[in-house]
Amino acid sequence: MSVNKLVERMAYEAIASFDTETRFRAHAATADVPATLAILDRLDREDTEPDKG
């Protein structure tokens, strides 16, 4: 894997993580409990899946 591809992948992961955390915090702040729990469930599922990279 080239350094450019590695940096591109790291940037993608950082942006995706930031976006997910921002959405989670917005849902939590508005007391949208079902949406907040849905986000946590999705993240738990993704953590248990094998890496697709």
N, C-alpha and C. Protein backbone atom coordinates (compact mmCIF):
# COMPACT_ATOMS: atom_id res chain seq x y z
N MET A 1 0.86 -1.17 0.00
CA MET A 1 0.00 0.00 0.00
C MET A 1 0.90 1.24 0.00
N SER A 2 0.60 2.17 -0.88
CA SER A 2 1.42 3.37 -0.95
C SER A 2 1.13 4.29 0.22
N VAL A 3 2.07 5.18 0.48
CA VAL A 3 1.91 6.13 1.57
C VAL A 3 0.70 7.03 1.31
N ASN A 4 0.50 7.44 0.06
CA ASN A 4 -0.65 8.29 -0.26
C ASN A 4 -1.96 7.60 0.06
N LYS A 5 -2.07 6.33 -0.30
CA LYS A 5 -3.29 5.57 -0.02
C LYS A 5 -3.49 5.40 1.48
N LEU A 6 -2.41 5.18 2.19
CA LEU A 6 -2.49 5.03 3.64
C LEU A 6 -2.98 6.32 4.29
N VAL A 7 -2.42 7.44 3.90
CA VAL A 7 -2.85 8.73 4.44
C VAL A 7 -4.30 9.02 4.06
N GLU A 8 -4.67 8.70 2.83
CA GLU A 8 -6.05 8.90 2.39
C GLU A 8 -7.01 8.07 3.23
N ARG A 9 -6.65 6.83 3.50
CA ARG A 9 -7.49 5.94 4.31
C ARG A 9 -7.59 6.46 5.74
N MET A 10 -6.49 6.92 6.30
CA MET A 10 -6.50 7.46 7.66
C MET A 10 -7.37 8.70 7.75
N ALA A 11 -7.31 9.56 6.75
CA ALA A 11 -8.14 10.76 6.73
C ALA A 11 -9.61 10.39 6.63
N TYR A 12 -9.93 9.43 5.78
CA TYR A 12 -11.31 8.96 5.65
C TYR A 12 -11.84 8.44 6.98
N GLU A 13 -11.05 7.62 7.65
CA GLU A 13 -11.46 7.06 8.94
C GLU A 13 -11.65 8.15 9.99
N ALA A 14 -10.77 9.13 10.00
CA ALA A 14 -10.87 10.22 10.98
C ALA A 14 -12.14 11.05 10.74
N ILE A 15 -12.43 11.35 9.49
CA ILE A 15 -13.63 12.13 9.16
C ILE A 15 -14.89 11.34 9.50
N ALA A 16 -14.91 10.07 9.17
CA ALA A 16 -16.07 9.23 9.47
C ALA A 16 -16.30 9.13 10.98
N SER A 17 -15.23 8.98 11.71
CA SER A 17 -15.33 8.90 13.17
C SER A 17 -15.86 10.21 13.75
N PHE A 18 -15.35 11.32 13.26
CA PHE A 18 -15.79 12.63 13.74
C PHE A 18 -17.28 12.84 13.43
N ASP A 19 -17.68 12.50 12.21
CA ASP A 19 -19.08 12.66 11.82
C ASP A 19 -20.00 11.80 12.68
N THR A 20 -19.59 10.59 12.95
CA THR A 20 -20.40 9.69 13.78
C THR A 20 -20.53 10.23 15.20
N GLU A 21 -19.42 10.68 15.76
CA GLU A 21 -19.47 11.23 17.12
C GLU A 21 -20.33 12.48 17.17
N THR A 22 -20.25 13.35 16.16
CA THR A 22 -21.05 14.57 16.12
C THR A 22 -22.54 14.23 16.05
N ARG A 23 -22.91 13.28 15.20
CA ARG A 23 -24.31 12.86 15.10
C ARG A 23 -24.79 12.26 16.41
N PHE A 24 -23.95 11.43 17.02
CA PHE A 24 -24.31 10.81 18.29
C PHE A 24 -24.55 11.88 19.36
N ARG A 25 -23.65 12.83 19.47
CA ARG A 25 -23.81 13.89 20.47
C ARG A 25 -25.05 14.74 20.21
N ALA A 26 -25.37 15.00 18.95
CA ALA A 26 -26.57 15.77 18.62
C ALA A 26 -27.83 15.01 19.03
N HIS A 27 -27.86 13.72 18.74
CA HIS A 27 -29.02 12.91 19.14
C HIS A 27 -29.13 12.84 20.66
N ALA A 28 -28.01 12.66 21.33
CA ALA A 28 -28.02 12.57 22.78
C ALA A 28 -28.46 13.89 23.41
N ALA A 29 -28.02 15.00 22.84
CA ALA A 29 -28.36 16.32 23.38
C ALA A 29 -29.85 16.64 23.23
N THR A 30 -30.48 16.10 22.20
CA THR A 30 -31.90 16.38 21.98
C THR A 30 -32.78 15.31 22.60
N ALA A 31 -32.17 14.42 23.37
CA ALA A 31 -32.88 13.35 24.07
C ALA A 31 -33.63 12.44 23.11
N ASP A 32 -33.07 12.25 21.90
CA ASP A 32 -33.64 11.31 20.94
C ASP A 32 -33.06 9.93 21.26
N VAL A 33 -33.61 9.32 22.29
CA VAL A 33 -33.06 8.08 22.81
C VAL A 33 -33.03 6.96 21.78
N PRO A 34 -34.12 6.70 21.04
CA PRO A 34 -34.07 5.60 20.06
C PRO A 34 -32.98 5.81 18.99
N ALA A 35 -32.84 7.03 18.51
CA ALA A 35 -31.82 7.29 17.49
C ALA A 35 -30.42 7.14 18.07
N THR A 36 -30.24 7.60 19.30
CA THR A 36 -28.93 7.49 19.95
C THR A 36 -28.57 6.03 20.16
N LEU A 37 -29.52 5.23 20.64
CA LEU A 37 -29.26 3.81 20.85
C LEU A 37 -29.03 3.08 19.53
N ALA A 38 -29.70 3.50 18.47
CA ALA A 38 -29.48 2.90 17.16
C ALA A 38 -28.05 3.13 16.68
N ILE A 39 -27.54 4.32 16.92
CA ILE A 39 -26.15 4.62 16.55
C ILE A 39 -25.19 3.73 17.34
N LEU A 40 -25.43 3.61 18.64
CA LEU A 40 -24.55 2.76 19.46
C LEU A 40 -24.62 1.31 19.01
N ASP A 41 -25.80 0.82 18.69
CA ASP A 41 -25.94 -0.56 18.20
C ASP A 41 -25.18 -0.76 16.90
N ARG A 42 -25.29 0.21 15.98
CA ARG A 42 -24.59 0.10 14.70
C ARG A 42 -23.07 0.10 14.92
N LEU A 43 -22.59 0.95 15.81
CA LEU A 43 -21.15 0.98 16.08
C LEU A 43 -20.68 -0.32 16.70
N ASP A 44 -21.49 -0.89 17.59
CA ASP A 44 -21.13 -2.17 18.19
C ASP A 44 -21.04 -3.27 17.13
N ARG A 45 -22.00 -3.27 16.20
CA ARG A 45 -21.98 -4.27 15.12
C ARG A 45 -20.73 -4.10 14.27
N GLU A 46 -20.40 -2.86 13.94
CA GLU A 46 -19.23 -2.60 13.09
C GLU A 46 -17.94 -3.00 13.79
N ASP A 47 -17.89 -2.84 15.11
CA ASP A 47 -16.70 -3.23 15.87
C ASP A 47 -16.49 -4.74 15.88
N THR A 48 -17.57 -5.50 15.77
CA THR A 48 -17.44 -6.95 15.83
C THR A 48 -17.26 -7.58 14.46
N GLU A 49 -17.46 -6.82 13.38
CA GLU A 49 -17.27 -7.33 12.03
C GLU A 49 -15.78 -7.38 11.69
N PRO A 50 -15.38 -8.35 10.88
CA PRO A 50 -13.98 -8.40 10.44
C PRO A 50 -13.64 -7.16 9.61
N ASP A 51 -12.40 -6.74 9.67
CA ASP A 51 -11.95 -5.57 8.91
C ASP A 51 -12.09 -5.84 7.41
N LYS A 52 -12.69 -4.89 6.70
CA LYS A 52 -12.92 -5.05 5.26
C LYS A 52 -11.83 -4.37 4.44
N GLY A 53 -10.85 -3.75 5.11
CA GLY A 53 -9.81 -2.99 4.43
C GLY A 53 -8.91 -3.82 3.65
